[in-house]
Amino acid sequence: MFQHDSTRRTAARRAGLVAALGLGLALTAACGGGDGPSGSSSSSKGRSGSWQVGDCGGPDPKQAPDGYRPLGCDEAGATFKALEIAPAGILPGSVRCPAGTDLMIRVSVSYGSSAKDGSKGGGIPTHTVCGRNLSGDHPGDAGAGGGQLVKGDCVSSSAQEVACASAGRDAFTVLDLVEEKGQCPAGTTEPMELTLSIGRPYDVICTAPV
C-alpha cells in the first residue's frame, strides 16, 4: 500500500498483475519433445523447462483464471511474448520488469500431485516472466494506466495510477521514480513520498500537474 506523505495523506493501493504459473519438477516429457505438464514453464520448443526472452504463452484452461502455459508465438491461444526473464521476487514490489510490460507471471516449482496433473497450487517461486501482449492492447505502456508505474504514467493525488487520456484536473504526470525527494528532476512540483515498502526500488514519485 502506498501512502502519500503530503497534506493530502491518503492511502493508495496498486493492483498487482502477477499471476501464478505452476511448474512440475518431472519435465521428462517436455525435455523429450512431448507434451509437458499442464502449466509447465517448458516452452513448446522443448527448452528443458526454462522460459527465455522471445518465448510466447497464453492462458491455461486447466489453471483458470490466472494460469498460463507456454505456446509458440504463431499458435492459437498465444497472447503474450516474454520481454525479460526476471528473478522470482518473493518480496512485494521487488521485481521490476522493463517498460512496456503488460503482465507479470510468477513461475513456481510445484511438488506432489500438482506436478503430475498440472493443477494450480503453491510452490517455490523460481523466476518471473515479464510479458507483453501480442495484441494491440498494451496497458503497460507509459500513460496507459496499467502495469508497473514508470516515467510518463499519470497518478491521482493519492498516488493511484490512472490513464493519462482520462485523467482529471487533479492528476499528475510522473517525471521520475527516486529514492529521495532531493533526487527529483527539475519541473517536479509535487514529490509524493511513499510509505516504506521492502523491495520497492523507489520511495518518491516525482510529479507535476498534467
C-alpha atoms as a PDB file:
ATOM      1  CA  MET A   1       0.000   0.000   0.000  1.00  0.00           C
ATOM      2  CA  PHE A   2       1.314   3.466  -0.897  1.00  0.00           C
ATOM      3  CA  GLN A   3       0.747   6.419   1.387  1.00  0.00           C
ATOM      4  CA  HIS A   4       1.140   9.963   0.136  1.00  0.00           C
ATOM      5  CA  ASP A   5       3.216  11.931   2.685  1.00  0.00           C
ATOM      6  CA  SER A   6       1.992  15.454   1.787  1.00  0.00           C
ATOM      7  CA  THR A   7      -1.005  17.450   3.036  1.00  0.00           C
ATOM      8  CA  ARG A   8      -3.197  15.016   1.130  1.00  0.00           C
ATOM      9  CA  ARG A   9      -2.099  11.874   3.018  1.00  0.00           C
ATOM     10  CA  THR A  10      -4.399   9.258   1.628  1.00  0.00           C
ATOM     11  CA  ALA A  11      -3.823   5.580   1.055  1.00  0.00           C
ATOM     12  CA  ALA A  12      -3.430   4.115  -2.406  1.00  0.00           C
ATOM     13  CA  ARG A  13      -3.298   0.514  -3.398  1.00  0.00           C
ATOM     14  CA  ARG A  14      -1.786  -0.584  -6.681  1.00  0.00           C
ATOM     15  CA  ALA A  15      -3.226  -3.726  -8.173  1.00  0.00           C
ATOM     16  CA  GLY A  16      -0.612  -6.352  -8.886  1.00  0.00           C
ATOM     17  CA  LEU A  17      -0.527  -8.069 -12.252  1.00  0.00           C
ATOM     18  CA  VAL A  18       1.366 -11.069 -11.036  1.00  0.00           C
ATOM     19  CA  ALA A  19      -0.262 -14.387 -11.921  1.00  0.00           C
ATOM     20  CA  ALA A  20       0.745 -17.847 -10.712  1.00  0.00           C
ATOM     21  CA  LEU A  21       2.143 -20.448 -13.080  1.00  0.00           C
ATOM     22  CA  GLY A  22       2.860 -23.985 -11.804  1.00  0.00           C
ATOM     23  CA  LEU A  23       5.972 -25.820 -12.966  1.00  0.00           C
ATOM     24  CA  GLY A  24       6.214 -29.574 -12.441  1.00  0.00           C
ATOM     25  CA  LEU A  25       9.565 -30.998 -11.448  1.00  0.00           C
ATOM     26  CA  ALA A  26       9.103 -34.018 -13.727  1.00  0.00           C
ATOM     27  CA  LEU A  27       9.948 -32.440 -17.082  1.00  0.00           C
ATOM     28  CA  THR A  28      10.910 -35.657 -18.849  1.00  0.00           C
ATOM     29  CA  ALA A  29       8.146 -35.331 -21.434  1.00  0.00           C
ATOM     30  CA  ALA A  30       8.989 -31.709 -22.128  1.00  0.00           C
ATOM     31  CA  CYS A  31      12.687 -32.424 -22.457  1.00  0.00           C
ATOM     32  CA  GLY A  32      11.952 -35.300 -24.801  1.00  0.00           C
ATOM     33  CA  GLY A  33       9.853 -33.157 -27.126  1.00  0.00           C
ATOM     34  CA  GLY A  34       6.475 -34.475 -25.937  1.00  0.00           C
ATOM     35  CA  ASP A  35       3.692 -32.587 -24.214  1.00  0.00           C
ATOM     36  CA  GLY A  36       4.908 -31.214 -20.925  1.00  0.00           C
ATOM     37  CA  PRO A  37       2.846 -30.988 -17.738  1.00  0.00           C
ATOM     38  CA  SER A  38      -0.004 -28.501 -17.914  1.00  0.00           C
ATOM     39  CA  GLY A  39       1.196 -25.169 -16.594  1.00  0.00           C
ATOM     40  CA  SER A  40       4.832 -26.129 -17.076  1.00  0.00           C
ATOM     41  CA  SER A  41       7.333 -23.388 -17.850  1.00  0.00           C
ATOM     42  CA  SER A  42       8.901 -25.549 -20.541  1.00  0.00           C
ATOM     43  CA  SER A  43       8.436 -23.832 -23.878  1.00  0.00           C
ATOM     44  CA  SER A  44       6.807 -25.531 -26.839  1.00  0.00           C
ATOM     45  CA  LYS A  45      10.299 -25.722 -28.349  1.00  0.00           C
ATOM     46  CA  GLY A  46      11.476 -28.053 -25.581  1.00  0.00           C
ATOM     47  CA  ARG A  47      13.935 -25.845 -23.716  1.00  0.00           C
ATOM     48  CA  SER A  48      14.289 -28.037 -20.645  1.00  0.00           C
ATOM     49  CA  GLY A  49      11.612 -26.192 -18.732  1.00  0.00           C
ATOM     50  CA  SER A  50      13.106 -22.683 -18.837  1.00  0.00           C
ATOM     51  CA  TRP A  51      11.499 -19.577 -20.251  1.00  0.00           C
ATOM     52  CA  GLN A  52      13.639 -17.405 -22.500  1.00  0.00           C
ATOM     53  CA  VAL A  53      13.232 -13.926 -23.923  1.00  0.00           C
ATOM     54  CA  GLY A  54      11.079 -14.135 -27.043  1.00  0.00           C
ATOM     55  CA  ASP A  55       9.069 -17.162 -25.886  1.00  0.00           C
ATOM     56  CA  CYS A  56       5.292 -16.823 -26.085  1.00  0.00           C
ATOM     57  CA  GLY A  57       2.460 -18.121 -23.962  1.00  0.00           C
ATOM     58  CA  GLY A  58      -1.208 -17.818 -23.203  1.00  0.00           C
ATOM     59  CA  PRO A  59      -3.911 -18.684 -20.664  1.00  0.00           C
ATOM     60  CA  ASP A  60      -4.015 -22.284 -19.498  1.00  0.00           C
ATOM     61  CA  PRO A  61      -7.651 -23.523 -19.428  1.00  0.00           C
ATOM     62  CA  LYS A  62      -6.696 -26.152 -16.840  1.00  0.00           C
ATOM     63  CA  GLN A  63      -5.449 -23.497 -14.443  1.00  0.00           C
ATOM     64  CA  ALA A  64      -8.066 -20.783 -14.985  1.00  0.00           C
ATOM     65  CA  PRO A  65      -8.418 -17.954 -14.240  1.00  0.00           C
ATOM     66  CA  ASP A  66      -4.790 -16.934 -13.681  1.00  0.00           C
ATOM     67  CA  GLY A  67      -2.747 -19.845 -15.016  1.00  0.00           C
ATOM     68  CA  TYR A  68      -0.558 -19.596 -18.123  1.00  0.00           C
ATOM     69  CA  ARG A  69       1.212 -22.075 -20.387  1.00  0.00           C
ATOM     70  CA  PRO A  70       3.984 -21.783 -22.995  1.00  0.00           C
ATOM     71  CA  LEU A  71       2.907 -21.679 -26.642  1.00  0.00           C
ATOM     72  CA  GLY A  72       4.541 -20.991 -29.976  1.00  0.00           C
ATOM     73  CA  CYS A  73       4.113 -17.362 -30.994  1.00  0.00           C
ATOM     74  CA  ASP A  74       2.108 -18.449 -34.050  1.00  0.00           C
ATOM     75  CA  GLU A  75      -0.086 -20.919 -32.139  1.00  0.00           C
ATOM     76  CA  ALA A  76      -3.752 -20.299 -31.463  1.00  0.00           C
ATOM     77  CA  GLY A  77      -4.167 -19.118 -27.880  1.00  0.00           C
ATOM     78  CA  ALA A  78      -0.820 -17.293 -27.649  1.00  0.00           C
ATOM     79  CA  THR A  79      -1.456 -13.896 -26.092  1.00  0.00           C
ATOM     80  CA  PHE A  80       1.932 -12.583 -24.913  1.00  0.00           C
ATOM     81  CA  LYS A  81       5.664 -12.647 -25.583  1.00  0.00           C
ATOM     82  CA  ALA A  82       8.376 -12.649 -22.921  1.00  0.00           C
ATOM     83  CA  LEU A  83      10.299  -9.354 -22.882  1.00  0.00           C
ATOM     84  CA  GLU A  84      12.535 -10.353 -19.990  1.00  0.00           C
ATOM     85  CA  ILE A  85      13.020 -13.190 -17.518  1.00  0.00           C
ATOM     86  CA  ALA A  86      13.443 -11.662 -14.070  1.00  0.00           C
ATOM     87  CA  PRO A  87      14.213 -13.160 -10.637  1.00  0.00           C
ATOM     88  CA  ALA A  88      11.372 -14.686  -8.641  1.00  0.00           C
ATOM     89  CA  GLY A  89      10.958 -11.729  -6.307  1.00  0.00           C
ATOM     90  CA  ILE A  90       9.404 -13.138  -3.134  1.00  0.00           C
ATOM     91  CA  LEU A  91       9.036  -9.670  -1.571  1.00  0.00           C
ATOM     92  CA  PRO A  92       6.199  -7.466  -2.902  1.00  0.00           C
ATOM     93  CA  GLY A  93       7.425  -4.873  -5.362  1.00  0.00           C
ATOM     94  CA  SER A  94      10.919  -6.363  -5.640  1.00  0.00           C
ATOM     95  CA  VAL A  95      10.502  -7.435  -9.269  1.00  0.00           C
ATOM     96  CA  ARG A  96      10.908  -4.641 -11.802  1.00  0.00           C
ATOM     97  CA  CYS A  97      10.051  -5.530 -15.375  1.00  0.00           C
ATOM     98  CA  PRO A  98      11.036  -3.341 -18.351  1.00  0.00           C
ATOM     99  CA  ALA A  99       8.825  -0.586 -19.703  1.00  0.00           C
ATOM    100  CA  GLY A 100       6.061  -1.944 -21.893  1.00  0.00           C
ATOM    101  CA  THR A 101       5.399  -4.989 -19.707  1.00  0.00           C
ATOM    102  CA  ASP A 102       1.662  -5.737 -19.739  1.00  0.00           C
ATOM    103  CA  LEU A 103       1.648  -8.690 -17.335  1.00  0.00           C
ATOM    104  CA  MET A 104       3.972 -10.439 -14.900  1.00  0.00           C
ATOM    105  CA  ILE A 105       3.835 -14.195 -14.478  1.00  0.00           C
ATOM    106  CA  ARG A 106       5.472 -15.816 -11.476  1.00  0.00           C
ATOM    107  CA  VAL A 107       6.819 -19.252 -12.299  1.00  0.00           C
ATOM    108  CA  SER A 108       6.967 -21.719  -9.415  1.00  0.00           C
ATOM    109  CA  VAL A 109       8.190 -25.262  -8.908  1.00  0.00           C
ATOM    110  CA  SER A 110       5.344 -27.494  -7.706  1.00  0.00           C
ATOM    111  CA  TYR A 111       5.683 -30.783  -5.859  1.00  0.00           C
ATOM    112  CA  GLY A 112       3.496 -33.838  -5.433  1.00  0.00           C
ATOM    113  CA  SER A 113       0.237 -34.310  -7.337  1.00  0.00           C
ATOM    114  CA  SER A 114       0.248 -30.752  -8.666  1.00  0.00           C
ATOM    115  CA  ALA A 115       3.451 -31.538 -10.574  1.00  0.00           C
ATOM    116  CA  LYS A 116       1.795 -34.566 -12.163  1.00  0.00           C
ATOM    117  CA  ASP A 117      -1.642 -33.339 -13.080  1.00  0.00           C
ATOM    118  CA  GLY A 118      -0.768 -29.702 -13.711  1.00  0.00           C
ATOM    119  CA  SER A 119      -3.323 -28.388 -11.259  1.00  0.00           C
ATOM    120  CA  LYS A 120      -2.721 -24.905  -9.923  1.00  0.00           C
ATOM    121  CA  GLY A 121      -1.288 -24.668  -6.466  1.00  0.00           C
ATOM    122  CA  GLY A 122       1.553 -23.411  -4.333  1.00  0.00           C
ATOM    123  CA  GLY A 123       5.227 -23.903  -4.984  1.00  0.00           C
ATOM    124  CA  ILE A 124       8.669 -22.356  -4.767  1.00  0.00           C
ATOM    125  CA  PRO A 125       8.968 -19.242  -6.978  1.00  0.00           C
ATOM    126  CA  THR A 126      11.850 -19.580  -9.442  1.00  0.00           C
ATOM    127  CA  HIS A 127      11.553 -16.587 -11.770  1.00  0.00           C
ATOM    128  CA  THR A 128       9.172 -14.045 -13.269  1.00  0.00           C
ATOM    129  CA  VAL A 129       8.173 -13.734 -16.912  1.00  0.00           C
ATOM    130  CA  CYS A 130       7.722 -10.109 -17.986  1.00  0.00           C
ATOM    131  CA  GLY A 131       5.200 -10.373 -20.827  1.00  0.00           C
ATOM    132  CA  ARG A 132       3.919  -8.001 -23.497  1.00  0.00           C
ATOM    133  CA  ASN A 133       0.589  -8.630 -25.193  1.00  0.00           C
ATOM    134  CA  LEU A 134       0.670  -9.807 -28.794  1.00  0.00           C
ATOM    135  CA  SER A 135      -2.478  -7.790 -29.422  1.00  0.00           C
ATOM    136  CA  GLY A 136      -2.612  -4.017 -29.756  1.00  0.00           C
ATOM    137  CA  ASP A 137      -3.829  -3.661 -26.169  1.00  0.00           C
ATOM    138  CA  HIS A 138      -0.869  -2.517 -24.051  1.00  0.00           C
ATOM    139  CA  PRO A 139      -1.900  -1.329 -20.576  1.00  0.00           C
ATOM    140  CA  GLY A 140       1.770  -1.409 -19.568  1.00  0.00           C
ATOM    141  CA  ASP A 141       2.766   1.404 -21.930  1.00  0.00           C
ATOM    142  CA  ALA A 142       3.570   4.746 -20.322  1.00  0.00           C
ATOM    143  CA  GLY A 143       0.365   6.666 -19.704  1.00  0.00           C
ATOM    144  CA  ALA A 144      -1.966   3.753 -20.440  1.00  0.00           C
ATOM    145  CA  GLY A 145      -2.963   3.276 -16.812  1.00  0.00           C
ATOM    146  CA  GLY A 146      -1.783  -0.292 -16.180  1.00  0.00           C
ATOM    147  CA  GLY A 147       1.336  -2.314 -15.498  1.00  0.00           C
ATOM    148  CA  GLN A 148       4.065  -1.104 -13.195  1.00  0.00           C
ATOM    149  CA  LEU A 149       4.457   2.595 -12.531  1.00  0.00           C
ATOM    150  CA  VAL A 150       7.001   4.146 -14.955  1.00  0.00           C
ATOM    151  CA  LYS A 151       8.058   7.577 -16.172  1.00  0.00           C
ATOM    152  CA  GLY A 152       5.323   9.085 -18.309  1.00  0.00           C
ATOM    153  CA  ASP A 153       2.482   7.480 -16.362  1.00  0.00           C
ATOM    154  CA  CYS A 154      -0.160   9.518 -14.583  1.00  0.00           C
ATOM    155  CA  VAL A 155      -1.272   9.273 -10.975  1.00  0.00           C
ATOM    156  CA  SER A 156      -4.070  10.722  -8.889  1.00  0.00           C
ATOM    157  CA  SER A 157      -3.456  12.904  -5.843  1.00  0.00           C
ATOM    158  CA  SER A 158      -3.452   9.696  -3.776  1.00  0.00           C
ATOM    159  CA  ALA A 159      -0.645   8.144  -5.883  1.00  0.00           C
ATOM    160  CA  GLN A 160      -3.031   5.788  -7.706  1.00  0.00           C
ATOM    161  CA  GLU A 161      -2.079   5.135 -11.323  1.00  0.00           C
ATOM    162  CA  VAL A 162      -4.651   6.388 -13.850  1.00  0.00           C
ATOM    163  CA  ALA A 163      -4.774   6.517 -17.640  1.00  0.00           C
ATOM    164  CA  CYS A 164      -3.418   9.871 -18.810  1.00  0.00           C
ATOM    165  CA  ALA A 165      -6.044  10.136 -21.559  1.00  0.00           C
ATOM    166  CA  SER A 166      -8.853  10.180 -18.987  1.00  0.00           C
ATOM    167  CA  ALA A 167      -7.002  11.841 -16.114  1.00  0.00           C
ATOM    168  CA  GLY A 168      -8.827  14.610 -14.307  1.00  0.00           C
ATOM    169  CA  ARG A 169      -7.547  18.019 -13.300  1.00  0.00           C
ATOM    170  CA  ASP A 170      -6.236  16.669 -10.026  1.00  0.00           C
ATOM    171  CA  ALA A 171      -3.950  14.160 -11.782  1.00  0.00           C
ATOM    172  CA  PHE A 172      -0.177  14.385 -12.094  1.00  0.00           C
ATOM    173  CA  THR A 173       2.417  13.232 -14.615  1.00  0.00           C
ATOM    174  CA  VAL A 174       5.222  11.002 -13.333  1.00  0.00           C
ATOM    175  CA  LEU A 175       8.577  12.645 -14.092  1.00  0.00           C
ATOM    176  CA  ASP A 176      10.740  10.126 -12.252  1.00  0.00           C
ATOM    177  CA  LEU A 177      10.799   7.479  -9.527  1.00  0.00           C
ATOM    178  CA  VAL A 178      13.586   8.022  -6.992  1.00  0.00           C
ATOM    179  CA  GLU A 179      14.723   7.056  -3.517  1.00  0.00           C
ATOM    180  CA  GLU A 180      14.849  10.559  -2.022  1.00  0.00           C
ATOM    181  CA  LYS A 181      12.893  13.749  -2.690  1.00  0.00           C
ATOM    182  CA  GLY A 182      16.085  15.671  -3.413  1.00  0.00           C
ATOM    183  CA  GLN A 183      16.731  13.446  -6.426  1.00  0.00           C
ATOM    184  CA  CYS A 184      13.604  14.605  -8.263  1.00  0.00           C
ATOM    185  CA  PRO A 185      14.284  16.355 -11.593  1.00  0.00           C
ATOM    186  CA  ALA A 186      13.616  19.991 -12.393  1.00  0.00           C
ATOM    187  CA  GLY A 187       9.953  20.652 -13.007  1.00  0.00           C
ATOM    188  CA  THR A 188       8.792  18.497 -10.112  1.00  0.00           C
ATOM    189  CA  THR A 189       6.107  20.383  -8.195  1.00  0.00           C
ATOM    190  CA  GLU A 190       4.546  17.561  -6.189  1.00  0.00           C
ATOM    191  CA  PRO A 191       7.015  14.951  -4.878  1.00  0.00           C
ATOM    192  CA  MET A 192       4.928  12.156  -3.413  1.00  0.00           C
ATOM    193  CA  GLU A 193       6.730  10.374  -0.579  1.00  0.00           C
ATOM    194  CA  LEU A 194       5.521   6.811  -0.043  1.00  0.00           C
ATOM    195  CA  THR A 195       5.470   4.588   2.999  1.00  0.00           C
ATOM    196  CA  LEU A 196       8.348   2.144   3.308  1.00  0.00           C
ATOM    197  CA  SER A 197       7.994  -0.992   1.202  1.00  0.00           C
ATOM    198  CA  ILE A 198      10.773  -3.586   1.331  1.00  0.00           C
ATOM    199  CA  GLY A 199      11.992  -4.436  -2.148  1.00  0.00           C
ATOM    200  CA  ARG A 200      10.495  -1.437  -3.971  1.00  0.00           C
ATOM    201  CA  PRO A 201      13.345   0.429  -5.745  1.00  0.00           C
ATOM    202  CA  TYR A 202      11.848   3.900  -5.171  1.00  0.00           C
ATOM    203  CA  ASP A 203      10.247   5.779  -2.283  1.00  0.00           C
ATOM    204  CA  VAL A 204       9.280   9.027  -4.006  1.00  0.00           C
ATOM    205  CA  ILE A 205       7.157   9.684  -7.102  1.00  0.00           C
ATOM    206  CA  CYS A 206       8.301  12.937  -8.721  1.00  0.00           C
ATOM    207  CA  THR A 207       5.267  14.533 -10.348  1.00  0.00           C
ATOM    208  CA  ALA A 208       3.910  17.691 -11.949  1.00  0.00           C
ATOM    209  CA  PRO A 209       0.337  18.612 -12.885  1.00  0.00           C
ATOM    210  CA  VAL A 210      -0.956  17.011 -16.085  1.00  0.00           C
END
